[in-house]
Amino acid sequence: MNGQRVLVTGGAGFIGSNLANHLAADNDVIALDDQYLGTPENLDDAVEFVDASVTDDDLPTDVDVVFHLAALSSYAMHEENPTKGARVNVEGFVNTVHQARQDGCDTVVYASTSSIYGSRTDPSPESMDVTVNTGYEASKMARETYAEYFHNHYDLSLAGMRFFSVYQGYGGAEEHKGEYANVIAQFADDVASGEAPVLYGDGNQTRDFTHVDDIVRGLEQAAEHELDGIYNLGTGDAYDFNEVVEMINAELGTDVEPEYVENPIPDDVYVHDTCADAEKMREATGWEPQMSFEEGIRRVCAQYK
């Protein structure tokens, strides 16, 4: 992307700030955030920060592209307040896209979730049947349904991106997420401090860990190609939590053993395994993840060395 006016909602958060800072090199970027999980400290000076909620009136949607990343982004957040979760994730999405359409913007890229695939060790394609077991998943499925409506009724281009376990590590924008940060950031911080990382069950659950730099490139390419529909962003490789702790120990030269505890999340809700089939995104844009997991772990651990 080059020379465009861009709005990133949730733009001071983890993924949003990485995207906003990346795009600001060649575009006029506005980052809108209510500072629930984000902070303007994550943003470069070139990014214009707007302190507002996606449920507000008069959003700065007079732009060429909207990247809608604002959300209550976990199961726990929704269980604490399901009504707020629906208001932010569903009403906020509809409100933002509606205002963008009225302002003449017809390209929207938004965050969905890979959680709706449930637990799968095989790569999950976008075409498979999905189920909803949590309020968080329901809110993201509602986004996808409303996106279909906006496309069919108003001919907007809306690309829903199902992210797979996005990480960066503390020392970057992810640190502000605290307890909601990806397990890699939490495990690395624990091991570096000599504290036992806490693993649920036997630690054999797997994730398709995808570095935020690859997610940012995928979001940008979705906008450049004016994609419509649903697309996975993930590597197609999965690592279990025990492997992650071993790799962090090896990188830091430590030998910190994890602590195993009973999983507090119900079995019918907890996603035990994830793995992406990103062929659809690859065919549409040529996108490929460029950050190997080994290099990603090195980058996460580098600040502690």
C-alpha atoms as a PDB file:
ATOM      1  CA  MET A   1       0.000   0.000   0.000  1.00  0.00           C
ATOM      2  CA  ASN A   2       1.222   3.458  -0.827  1.00  0.00           C
ATOM      3  CA  GLY A   3      -0.202   6.974  -0.520  1.00  0.00           C
ATOM      4  CA  GLN A   4      -3.554   6.012   0.974  1.00  0.00           C
ATOM      5  CA  ARG A   5      -5.524   7.262   3.943  1.00  0.00           C
ATOM      6  CA  VAL A   6      -6.041   4.377   6.357  1.00  0.00           C
ATOM      7  CA  LEU A   7      -7.976   3.793   9.587  1.00  0.00           C
ATOM      8  CA  VAL A   8      -6.882   1.051  11.980  1.00  0.00           C
ATOM      9  CA  THR A   9      -9.394   0.404  14.769  1.00  0.00           C
ATOM     10  CA  GLY A  10      -7.846  -1.142  17.832  1.00  0.00           C
ATOM     11  CA  GLY A  11      -4.854   0.641  16.383  1.00  0.00           C
ATOM     12  CA  ALA A  12      -2.972   1.132  19.646  1.00  0.00           C
ATOM     13  CA  GLY A  13      -3.247  -2.541  20.579  1.00  0.00           C
ATOM     14  CA  PHE A  14      -0.878  -5.397  19.867  1.00  0.00           C
ATOM     15  CA  ILE A  15      -1.632  -6.291  16.247  1.00  0.00           C
ATOM     16  CA  GLY A  16      -3.157  -2.905  15.449  1.00  0.00           C
ATOM     17  CA  SER A  17      -0.111  -0.862  16.440  1.00  0.00           C
ATOM     18  CA  ASN A  18       2.235  -3.163  14.529  1.00  0.00           C
ATOM     19  CA  LEU A  19       0.042  -2.695  11.462  1.00  0.00           C
ATOM     20  CA  ALA A  20      -0.347   1.069  11.930  1.00  0.00           C
ATOM     21  CA  ASN A  21       3.392   1.626  12.385  1.00  0.00           C
ATOM     22  CA  HIS A  22       4.180  -0.496   9.335  1.00  0.00           C
ATOM     23  CA  LEU A  23       1.688   1.299   7.096  1.00  0.00           C
ATOM     24  CA  ALA A  24       2.673   4.776   8.307  1.00  0.00           C
ATOM     25  CA  ALA A  25       5.915   4.588   6.341  1.00  0.00           C
ATOM     26  CA  ASP A  26       3.996   5.083   3.082  1.00  0.00           C
ATOM     27  CA  ASN A  27       0.450   6.062   4.070  1.00  0.00           C
ATOM     28  CA  ASP A  28      -1.562   8.523   6.149  1.00  0.00           C
ATOM     29  CA  VAL A  29      -2.591   6.358   9.115  1.00  0.00           C
ATOM     30  CA  ILE A  30      -5.136   6.962  11.875  1.00  0.00           C
ATOM     31  CA  ALA A  31      -5.121   4.610  14.864  1.00  0.00           C
ATOM     32  CA  LEU A  32      -8.393   4.612  16.795  1.00  0.00           C
ATOM     33  CA  ASP A  33      -8.418   2.944  20.217  1.00  0.00           C
ATOM     34  CA  ASP A  34     -10.284   3.257  23.528  1.00  0.00           C
ATOM     35  CA  GLN A  35      -7.123   2.148  25.412  1.00  0.00           C
ATOM     36  CA  TYR A  36      -8.758  -0.929  26.959  1.00  0.00           C
ATOM     37  CA  LEU A  37      -5.812  -3.090  25.894  1.00  0.00           C
ATOM     38  CA  GLY A  38      -3.938  -0.586  23.764  1.00  0.00           C
ATOM     39  CA  THR A  39      -1.791   2.425  24.545  1.00  0.00           C
ATOM     40  CA  PRO A  40      -0.624   5.260  22.271  1.00  0.00           C
ATOM     41  CA  GLU A  41       2.879   4.539  23.562  1.00  0.00           C
ATOM     42  CA  ASN A  42       2.885   1.637  21.095  1.00  0.00           C
ATOM     43  CA  LEU A  43       2.568   4.025  18.148  1.00  0.00           C
ATOM     44  CA  ASP A  44       5.181   5.835  16.101  1.00  0.00           C
ATOM     45  CA  ASP A  45       4.976   9.618  15.857  1.00  0.00           C
ATOM     46  CA  ALA A  46       3.866   9.342  12.230  1.00  0.00           C
ATOM     47  CA  VAL A  47       0.578   7.710  13.281  1.00  0.00           C
ATOM     48  CA  GLU A  48      -2.347   9.940  14.255  1.00  0.00           C
ATOM     49  CA  PHE A  49      -3.962   8.629  17.448  1.00  0.00           C
ATOM     50  CA  VAL A  50      -7.695   9.052  18.145  1.00  0.00           C
ATOM     51  CA  ASP A  51      -8.993   8.103  21.599  1.00  0.00           C
ATOM     52  CA  ALA A  52     -12.456   6.744  20.845  1.00  0.00           C
ATOM     53  CA  SER A  53     -14.602   3.616  20.791  1.00  0.00           C
ATOM     54  CA  VAL A  54     -15.850   1.834  17.689  1.00  0.00           C
ATOM     55  CA  THR A  55     -19.357   2.229  19.118  1.00  0.00           C
ATOM     56  CA  ASP A  56     -19.093   6.043  18.947  1.00  0.00           C
ATOM     57  CA  ASP A  57     -20.682   8.325  16.404  1.00  0.00           C
ATOM     58  CA  ASP A  58     -18.576  10.435  14.008  1.00  0.00           C
ATOM     59  CA  LEU A  59     -15.694   7.991  13.607  1.00  0.00           C
ATOM     60  CA  PRO A  60     -12.814   9.101  11.317  1.00  0.00           C
ATOM     61  CA  THR A  61     -13.942   6.769   8.526  1.00  0.00           C
ATOM     62  CA  ASP A  62     -13.328   9.171   5.626  1.00  0.00           C
ATOM     63  CA  VAL A  63     -10.519   6.911   4.440  1.00  0.00           C
ATOM     64  CA  ASP A  64      -9.545   4.609   1.574  1.00  0.00           C
ATOM     65  CA  VAL A  65      -9.212   1.465   3.706  1.00  0.00           C
ATOM     66  CA  VAL A  66     -10.466   0.410   7.142  1.00  0.00           C
ATOM     67  CA  PHE A  67      -8.619  -2.270   9.095  1.00  0.00           C
ATOM     68  CA  HIS A  68     -11.069  -3.243  11.839  1.00  0.00           C
ATOM     69  CA  LEU A  69      -9.135  -4.969  14.623  1.00  0.00           C
ATOM     70  CA  ALA A  70     -10.881  -3.498  17.677  1.00  0.00           C
ATOM     71  CA  ALA A  71     -12.420  -6.229  19.827  1.00  0.00           C
ATOM     72  CA  LEU A  72     -12.717  -7.867  23.188  1.00  0.00           C
ATOM     73  CA  SER A  73     -10.325 -10.536  22.046  1.00  0.00           C
ATOM     74  CA  SER A  74     -10.659 -13.551  24.322  1.00  0.00           C
ATOM     75  CA  TYR A  75     -13.057 -16.043  25.843  1.00  0.00           C
ATOM     76  CA  ALA A  76     -12.394 -14.684  29.345  1.00  0.00           C
ATOM     77  CA  MET A  77     -13.238 -11.093  28.423  1.00  0.00           C
ATOM     78  CA  HIS A  78     -16.606 -12.143  27.034  1.00  0.00           C
ATOM     79  CA  GLU A  79     -17.502 -14.322  29.991  1.00  0.00           C
ATOM     80  CA  GLU A  80     -16.883 -11.382  32.312  1.00  0.00           C
ATOM     81  CA  ASN A  81     -19.367  -9.233  30.385  1.00  0.00           C
ATOM     82  CA  PRO A  82     -21.188 -10.887  27.442  1.00  0.00           C
ATOM     83  CA  THR A  83     -23.244  -7.781  26.716  1.00  0.00           C
ATOM     84  CA  LYS A  84     -20.151  -5.594  26.426  1.00  0.00           C
ATOM     85  CA  GLY A  85     -18.511  -8.244  24.264  1.00  0.00           C
ATOM     86  CA  ALA A  86     -21.408  -8.193  21.816  1.00  0.00           C
ATOM     87  CA  ARG A  87     -21.592  -4.401  21.893  1.00  0.00           C
ATOM     88  CA  VAL A  88     -17.916  -3.943  21.044  1.00  0.00           C
ATOM     89  CA  ASN A  89     -17.373  -6.901  18.716  1.00  0.00           C
ATOM     90  CA  VAL A  90     -20.667  -6.893  16.816  1.00  0.00           C
ATOM     91  CA  GLU A  91     -22.249  -3.464  17.184  1.00  0.00           C
ATOM     92  CA  GLY A  92     -18.815  -1.834  16.931  1.00  0.00           C
ATOM     93  CA  PHE A  93     -18.140  -3.686  13.680  1.00  0.00           C
ATOM     94  CA  VAL A  94     -21.493  -2.775  12.134  1.00  0.00           C
ATOM     95  CA  ASN A  95     -21.156   0.833  13.306  1.00  0.00           C
ATOM     96  CA  THR A  96     -17.664   1.215  11.839  1.00  0.00           C
ATOM     97  CA  VAL A  97     -18.477  -0.373   8.475  1.00  0.00           C
ATOM     98  CA  HIS A  98     -21.733   1.591   8.200  1.00  0.00           C
ATOM     99  CA  GLN A  99     -19.953   4.896   8.784  1.00  0.00           C
ATOM    100  CA  ALA A 100     -17.143   3.920   6.402  1.00  0.00           C
ATOM    101  CA  ARG A 101     -19.693   3.118   3.673  1.00  0.00           C
ATOM    102  CA  GLN A 102     -21.415   6.456   4.182  1.00  0.00           C
ATOM    103  CA  ASP A 103     -18.030   8.179   3.839  1.00  0.00           C
ATOM    104  CA  GLY A 104     -17.305   6.400   0.559  1.00  0.00           C
ATOM    105  CA  CYS A 105     -14.868   3.741   1.803  1.00  0.00           C
ATOM    106  CA  ASP A 106     -15.544   0.377   0.167  1.00  0.00           C
ATOM    107  CA  THR A 107     -12.563  -1.688   1.380  1.00  0.00           C
ATOM    108  CA  VAL A 108     -12.587  -3.244   4.853  1.00  0.00           C
ATOM    109  CA  VAL A 109     -10.259  -5.875   6.313  1.00  0.00           C
ATOM    110  CA  TYR A 110     -11.337  -7.191   9.701  1.00  0.00           C
ATOM    111  CA  ALA A 111     -10.286  -9.624  12.405  1.00  0.00           C
ATOM    112  CA  SER A 112     -12.194 -12.863  12.803  1.00  0.00           C
ATOM    113  CA  THR A 113     -10.841 -15.892  14.688  1.00  0.00           C
ATOM    114  CA  SER A 114      -9.534 -19.415  14.096  1.00  0.00           C
ATOM    115  CA  SER A 115     -11.110 -20.546  17.401  1.00  0.00           C
ATOM    116  CA  ILE A 116     -14.311 -21.477  15.588  1.00  0.00           C
ATOM    117  CA  TYR A 117     -12.534 -24.446  13.966  1.00  0.00           C
ATOM    118  CA  GLY A 118     -12.378 -26.096  17.372  1.00  0.00           C
ATOM    119  CA  SER A 119      -9.585 -28.553  18.212  1.00  0.00           C
ATOM    120  CA  ARG A 120      -7.921 -29.961  15.107  1.00  0.00           C
ATOM    121  CA  THR A 121      -4.441 -31.294  14.488  1.00  0.00           C
ATOM    122  CA  ASP A 122      -5.089 -31.381  10.722  1.00  0.00           C
ATOM    123  CA  PRO A 123      -4.893 -28.051   8.884  1.00  0.00           C
ATOM    124  CA  SER A 124      -8.258 -26.265   8.942  1.00  0.00           C
ATOM    125  CA  PRO A 125      -9.540 -24.861   5.621  1.00  0.00           C
ATOM    126  CA  GLU A 126     -12.025 -21.996   5.450  1.00  0.00           C
ATOM    127  CA  SER A 127     -14.535 -24.279   3.730  1.00  0.00           C
ATOM    128  CA  MET A 128     -15.028 -26.634   6.682  1.00  0.00           C
ATOM    129  CA  ASP A 129     -18.095 -26.514   8.886  1.00  0.00           C
ATOM    130  CA  VAL A 130     -17.561 -24.552  12.089  1.00  0.00           C
ATOM    131  CA  THR A 131     -19.328 -24.402  15.433  1.00  0.00           C
ATOM    132  CA  VAL A 132     -19.686 -21.733  18.086  1.00  0.00           C
ATOM    133  CA  ASN A 133     -19.067 -22.646  21.729  1.00  0.00           C
ATOM    134  CA  THR A 134     -18.276 -19.267  23.313  1.00  0.00           C
ATOM    135  CA  GLY A 135     -19.519 -15.699  23.259  1.00  0.00           C
ATOM    136  CA  TYR A 136     -16.209 -14.635  21.745  1.00  0.00           C
ATOM    137  CA  GLU A 137     -16.610 -17.043  18.846  1.00  0.00           C
ATOM    138  CA  ALA A 138     -20.248 -16.024  18.394  1.00  0.00           C
ATOM    139  CA  SER A 139     -19.251 -12.375  18.102  1.00  0.00           C
ATOM    140  CA  LYS A 140     -16.680 -13.119  15.400  1.00  0.00           C
ATOM    141  CA  MET A 141     -19.120 -15.300  13.469  1.00  0.00           C
ATOM    142  CA  ALA A 142     -21.599 -12.435  13.657  1.00  0.00           C
ATOM    143  CA  ARG A 143     -18.976 -10.187  12.078  1.00  0.00           C
ATOM    144  CA  GLU A 144     -18.564 -12.620   9.212  1.00  0.00           C
ATOM    145  CA  THR A 145     -22.344 -12.748   8.679  1.00  0.00           C
ATOM    146  CA  TYR A 146     -22.687  -8.961   8.728  1.00  0.00           C
ATOM    147  CA  ALA A 147     -19.729  -8.707   6.340  1.00  0.00           C
ATOM    148  CA  GLU A 148     -21.601 -10.957   3.911  1.00  0.00           C
ATOM    149  CA  TYR A 149     -24.610  -8.634   4.212  1.00  0.00           C
ATOM    150  CA  PHE A 150     -22.528  -5.513   3.546  1.00  0.00           C
ATOM    151  CA  HIS A 151     -20.948  -7.174   0.527  1.00  0.00           C
ATOM    152  CA  ASN A 152     -24.187  -8.507  -0.968  1.00  0.00           C
ATOM    153  CA  HIS A 153     -26.293  -5.422  -0.256  1.00  0.00           C
ATOM    154  CA  TYR A 154     -23.774  -2.610  -0.769  1.00  0.00           C
ATOM    155  CA  ASP A 155     -21.042  -4.270  -2.884  1.00  0.00           C
ATOM    156  CA  LEU A 156     -18.319  -3.519  -0.347  1.00  0.00           C
ATOM    157  CA  SER A 157     -15.120  -5.573  -0.258  1.00  0.00           C
ATOM    158  CA  LEU A 158     -14.760  -7.109   3.211  1.00  0.00           C
ATOM    159  CA  ALA A 159     -12.044  -9.637   4.048  1.00  0.00           C
ATOM    160  CA  GLY A 160     -12.351 -11.514   7.325  1.00  0.00           C
ATOM    161  CA  MET A 161      -8.992 -12.760   8.536  1.00  0.00           C
ATOM    162  CA  ARG A 162      -8.941 -15.771  10.843  1.00  0.00           C
ATOM    163  CA  PHE A 163      -5.709 -15.363  12.814  1.00  0.00           C
ATOM    164  CA  PHE A 164      -3.839 -18.328  14.270  1.00  0.00           C
ATOM    165  CA  SER A 165      -2.126 -17.682  17.645  1.00  0.00           C
ATOM    166  CA  VAL A 166      -0.372 -14.385  16.954  1.00  0.00           C
ATOM    167  CA  TYR A 167       2.775 -13.632  18.961  1.00  0.00           C
ATOM    168  CA  GLN A 168       5.639 -11.155  19.222  1.00  0.00           C
ATOM    169  CA  GLY A 169       6.898 -11.274  22.793  1.00  0.00           C
ATOM    170  CA  TYR A 170       7.271  -8.775  25.592  1.00  0.00           C
ATOM    171  CA  GLY A 171       9.417  -5.803  24.725  1.00  0.00           C
ATOM    172  CA  GLY A 172       6.959  -4.978  21.940  1.00  0.00           C
ATOM    173  CA  ALA A 173       3.316  -3.939  21.857  1.00  0.00           C
ATOM    174  CA  GLU A 174       2.236  -7.353  23.146  1.00  0.00           C
ATOM    175  CA  GLU A 175       3.570  -6.555  26.616  1.00  0.00           C
ATOM    176  CA  HIS A 176       0.669  -4.196  27.341  1.00  0.00           C
ATOM    177  CA  LYS A 177      -1.756  -7.129  26.989  1.00  0.00           C
ATOM    178  CA  GLY A 178      -0.415  -8.638  30.219  1.00  0.00           C
ATOM    179  CA  GLU A 179      -2.339 -11.788  31.126  1.00  0.00           C
ATOM    180  CA  TYR A 180      -3.979 -11.765  27.698  1.00  0.00           C
ATOM    181  CA  ALA A 181      -0.661 -11.953  25.831  1.00  0.00           C
ATOM    182  CA  ASN A 182       0.203 -15.028  23.781  1.00  0.00           C
ATOM    183  CA  VAL A 183       1.619 -17.928  25.806  1.00  0.00           C
ATOM    184  CA  ILE A 184       5.005 -17.562  24.100  1.00  0.00           C
ATOM    185  CA  ALA A 185       5.462 -14.102  25.589  1.00  0.00           C
ATOM    186  CA  GLN A 186       4.316 -15.323  28.996  1.00  0.00           C
ATOM    187  CA  PHE A 187       6.458 -18.481  28.946  1.00  0.00           C
ATOM    188  CA  ALA A 188       9.582 -16.581  27.857  1.00  0.00           C
ATOM    189  CA  ASP A 189       9.131 -13.956  30.551  1.00  0.00           C
ATOM    190  CA  ASP A 190       8.642 -16.643  33.206  1.00  0.00           C
ATOM    191  CA  VAL A 191      11.664 -18.697  32.128  1.00  0.00           C
ATOM    192  CA  ALA A 192      13.900 -15.624  31.894  1.00  0.00           C
ATOM    193  CA  SER A 193      12.849 -14.719  35.448  1.00  0.00           C
ATOM    194  CA  GLY A 194      13.532 -18.242  36.709  1.00  0.00           C
ATOM    195  CA  GLU A 195       9.831 -18.865  37.321  1.00  0.00           C
ATOM    196  CA  ALA A 196       8.040 -22.026  36.204  1.00  0.00           C
ATOM    197  CA  PRO A 197       5.707 -21.394  33.258  1.00  0.00           C
ATOM    198  CA  VAL A 198       2.239 -22.746  34.018  1.00  0.00           C
ATOM    199  CA  LEU A 199       0.964 -25.325  31.522  1.00  0.00           C
ATOM    200  CA  TYR A 200      -2.576 -26.657  31.498  1.00  0.00           C
ATOM    201  CA  GLY A 201      -2.930 -30.425  31.585  1.00  0.00           C
ATOM    202  CA  ASP A 202       0.091 -32.306  30.230  1.00  0.00           C
ATOM    203  CA  GLY A 203       1.333 -29.465  28.008  1.00  0.00           C
ATOM    204  CA  ASN A 204       0.715 -31.420  24.809  1.00  0.00           C
ATOM    205  CA  GLN A 205      -1.805 -28.956  23.383  1.00  0.00           C
ATOM    206  CA  THR A 206      -0.622 -27.480  20.083  1.00  0.00           C
ATOM    207  CA  ARG A 207      -0.851 -24.090  18.396  1.00  0.00           C
ATOM    208  CA  ASP A 208      -0.074 -22.750  14.966  1.00  0.00           C
ATOM    209  CA  PHE A 209       2.050 -19.853  16.235  1.00  0.00           C
ATOM    210  CA  THR A 210       2.159 -17.021  13.685  1.00  0.00           C
ATOM    211  CA  HIS A 211       4.468 -14.032  14.100  1.00  0.00           C
ATOM    212  CA  VAL A 212       2.813 -10.636  14.068  1.00  0.00           C
ATOM    213  CA  ASP A 213       5.054  -9.474  11.190  1.00  0.00           C
ATOM    214  CA  ASP A 214       3.499 -12.137   8.953  1.00  0.00           C
ATOM    215  CA  ILE A 215       0.011 -11.173  10.134  1.00  0.00           C
ATOM    216  CA  VAL A 216       0.697  -7.526   9.260  1.00  0.00           C
ATOM    217  CA  ARG A 217       1.821  -8.461   5.749  1.00  0.00           C
ATOM    218  CA  GLY A 218      -1.289 -10.593   5.305  1.00  0.00           C
ATOM    219  CA  LEU A 219      -3.589  -7.777   6.370  1.00  0.00           C
ATOM    220  CA  GLU A 220      -1.879  -5.351   4.009  1.00  0.00           C
ATOM    221  CA  GLN A 221      -2.087  -7.770   1.083  1.00  0.00           C
ATOM    222  CA  ALA A 222      -5.768  -8.435   1.764  1.00  0.00           C
ATOM    223  CA  ALA A 223      -6.424  -4.700   1.383  1.00  0.00           C
ATOM    224  CA  GLU A 224      -4.211  -4.346  -1.686  1.00  0.00           C
ATOM    225  CA  HIS A 225      -6.104  -7.140  -3.453  1.00  0.00           C
ATOM    226  CA  GLU A 226      -9.492  -5.903  -2.162  1.00  0.00           C
ATOM    227  CA  LEU A 227     -10.305  -9.411  -1.012  1.00  0.00           C
ATOM    228  CA  ASP A 228     -13.790 -10.465  -0.033  1.00  0.00           C
ATOM    229  CA  GLY A 229     -14.747 -13.454   2.094  1.00  0.00           C
ATOM    230  CA  ILE A 230     -12.854 -15.403   4.765  1.00  0.00           C
ATOM    231  CA  TYR A 231      -9.116 -16.139   4.828  1.00  0.00           C
ATOM    232  CA  ASN A 232      -6.807 -17.962   7.210  1.00  0.00           C
ATOM    233  CA  LEU A 233      -3.533 -16.419   8.336  1.00  0.00           C
ATOM    234  CA  GLY A 234      -1.328 -19.117   9.813  1.00  0.00           C
ATOM    235  CA  THR A 235       1.816 -21.108   9.084  1.00  0.00           C
ATOM    236  CA  GLY A 236       0.459 -24.645   8.719  1.00  0.00           C
ATOM    237  CA  ASP A 237       2.904 -25.862  11.389  1.00  0.00           C
ATOM    238  CA  ALA A 238       2.013 -26.557  15.019  1.00  0.00           C
ATOM    239  CA  TYR A 239       4.113 -26.840  18.186  1.00  0.00           C
ATOM    240  CA  ASP A 240       3.055 -28.108  21.579  1.00  0.00           C
ATOM    241  CA  PHE A 241       3.571 -26.101  24.751  1.00  0.00           C
ATOM    242  CA  ASN A 242       6.231 -28.472  26.088  1.00  0.00           C
ATOM    243  CA  GLU A 243       8.259 -27.922  22.902  1.00  0.00           C
ATOM    244  CA  VAL A 244       7.889 -24.169  23.280  1.00  0.00           C
ATOM    245  CA  VAL A 245       9.277 -24.221  26.828  1.00  0.00           C
ATOM    246  CA  GLU A 246      12.161 -26.455  25.717  1.00  0.00           C
ATOM    247  CA  MET A 247      13.022 -24.104  22.850  1.00  0.00           C
ATOM    248  CA  ILE A 248      12.935 -21.066  25.138  1.00  0.00           C
ATOM    249  CA  ASN A 249      15.190 -22.817  27.651  1.00  0.00           C
ATOM    250  CA  ALA A 250      17.614 -23.775  24.896  1.00  0.00           C
ATOM    251  CA  GLU A 251      17.717 -20.223  23.544  1.00  0.00           C
ATOM    252  CA  LEU A 252      18.222 -18.642  26.984  1.00  0.00           C
ATOM    253  CA  GLY A 253      20.620 -21.321  28.252  1.00  0.00           C
ATOM    254  CA  THR A 254      18.310 -22.083  31.173  1.00  0.00           C
ATOM    255  CA  ASP A 255      16.691 -25.210  32.580  1.00  0.00           C
ATOM    256  CA  VAL A 256      13.396 -24.094  34.063  1.00  0.00           C
ATOM    257  CA  GLU A 257      10.813 -26.848  34.395  1.00  0.00           C
ATOM    258  CA  PRO A 258       7.140 -25.998  33.767  1.00  0.00           C
ATOM    259  CA  GLU A 259       4.410 -26.374  36.365  1.00  0.00           C
ATOM    260  CA  TYR A 260       1.467 -28.505  35.268  1.00  0.00           C
ATOM    261  CA  VAL A 261      -1.986 -27.583  36.560  1.00  0.00           C
ATOM    262  CA  GLU A 262      -5.527 -28.694  35.887  1.00  0.00           C
ATOM    263  CA  ASN A 263      -7.074 -26.801  33.001  1.00  0.00           C
ATOM    264  CA  PRO A 264      -9.554 -24.270  34.479  1.00  0.00           C
ATOM    265  CA  ILE A 265     -11.341 -23.871  31.133  1.00  0.00           C
ATOM    266  CA  PRO A 266     -14.136 -26.376  30.405  1.00  0.00           C
ATOM    267  CA  ASP A 267     -13.238 -29.129  27.912  1.00  0.00           C
ATOM    268  CA  ASP A 268     -16.110 -28.213  25.602  1.00  0.00           C
ATOM    269  CA  VAL A 269     -14.752 -24.671  25.342  1.00  0.00           C
ATOM    270  CA  TYR A 270     -10.972 -25.093  25.405  1.00  0.00           C
ATOM    271  CA  VAL A 271      -9.334 -25.314  21.982  1.00  0.00           C
ATOM    272  CA  HIS A 272      -6.640 -27.963  22.418  1.00  0.00           C
ATOM    273  CA  ASP A 273      -5.050 -27.914  18.944  1.00  0.00           C
ATOM    274  CA  THR A 274      -4.921 -25.500  16.012  1.00  0.00           C
ATOM    275  CA  CYS A 275      -3.335 -25.601  12.566  1.00  0.00           C
ATOM    276  CA  ALA A 276      -4.005 -23.401   9.540  1.00  0.00           C
ATOM    277  CA  ASP A 277      -4.624 -24.255   5.941  1.00  0.00           C
ATOM    278  CA  ALA A 278      -3.622 -20.951   4.319  1.00  0.00           C
ATOM    279  CA  GLU A 279      -3.803 -22.108   0.690  1.00  0.00           C
ATOM    280  CA  LYS A 280      -6.732 -19.799  -0.102  1.00  0.00           C
ATOM    281  CA  MET A 281      -4.757 -16.715   1.009  1.00  0.00           C
ATOM    282  CA  ARG A 282      -1.683 -17.990  -0.802  1.00  0.00           C
ATOM    283  CA  GLU A 283      -3.561 -18.398  -4.079  1.00  0.00           C
ATOM    284  CA  ALA A 284      -5.310 -15.031  -3.758  1.00  0.00           C
ATOM    285  CA  THR A 285      -2.282 -12.883  -2.934  1.00  0.00           C
ATOM    286  CA  GLY A 286       0.920 -14.937  -2.923  1.00  0.00           C
ATOM    287  CA  TRP A 287       1.202 -14.434   0.834  1.00  0.00           C
ATOM    288  CA  GLU A 288       3.557 -16.800   2.630  1.00  0.00           C
ATOM    289  CA  PRO A 289       4.666 -16.696   6.274  1.00  0.00           C
ATOM    290  CA  GLN A 290       8.294 -15.606   6.295  1.00  0.00           C
ATOM    291  CA  MET A 291       9.151 -15.894   9.999  1.00  0.00           C
ATOM    292  CA  SER A 292      10.256 -19.390  10.985  1.00  0.00           C
ATOM    293  CA  PHE A 293       9.245 -20.436  14.466  1.00  0.00           C
ATOM    294  CA  GLU A 294      12.887 -20.877  15.439  1.00  0.00           C
ATOM    295  CA  GLU A 295      13.671 -17.303  14.399  1.00  0.00           C
ATOM    296  CA  GLY A 296      10.533 -16.079  16.152  1.00  0.00           C
ATOM    297  CA  ILE A 297      11.656 -17.700  19.415  1.00  0.00           C
ATOM    298  CA  ARG A 298      15.101 -16.131  19.010  1.00  0.00           C
ATOM    299  CA  ARG A 299      13.522 -12.692  18.640  1.00  0.00           C
ATOM    300  CA  VAL A 300      11.261 -13.197  21.655  1.00  0.00           C
ATOM    301  CA  CYS A 301      14.242 -14.248  23.790  1.00  0.00           C
ATOM    302  CA  ALA A 302      16.699 -11.656  22.478  1.00  0.00           C
ATOM    303  CA  GLN A 303      15.627  -8.953  24.937  1.00  0.00           C
ATOM    304  CA  TYR A 304      16.510 -11.208  27.878  1.00  0.00           C
ATOM    305  CA  LYS A 305      20.056 -11.979  26.726  1.00  0.00           C
END
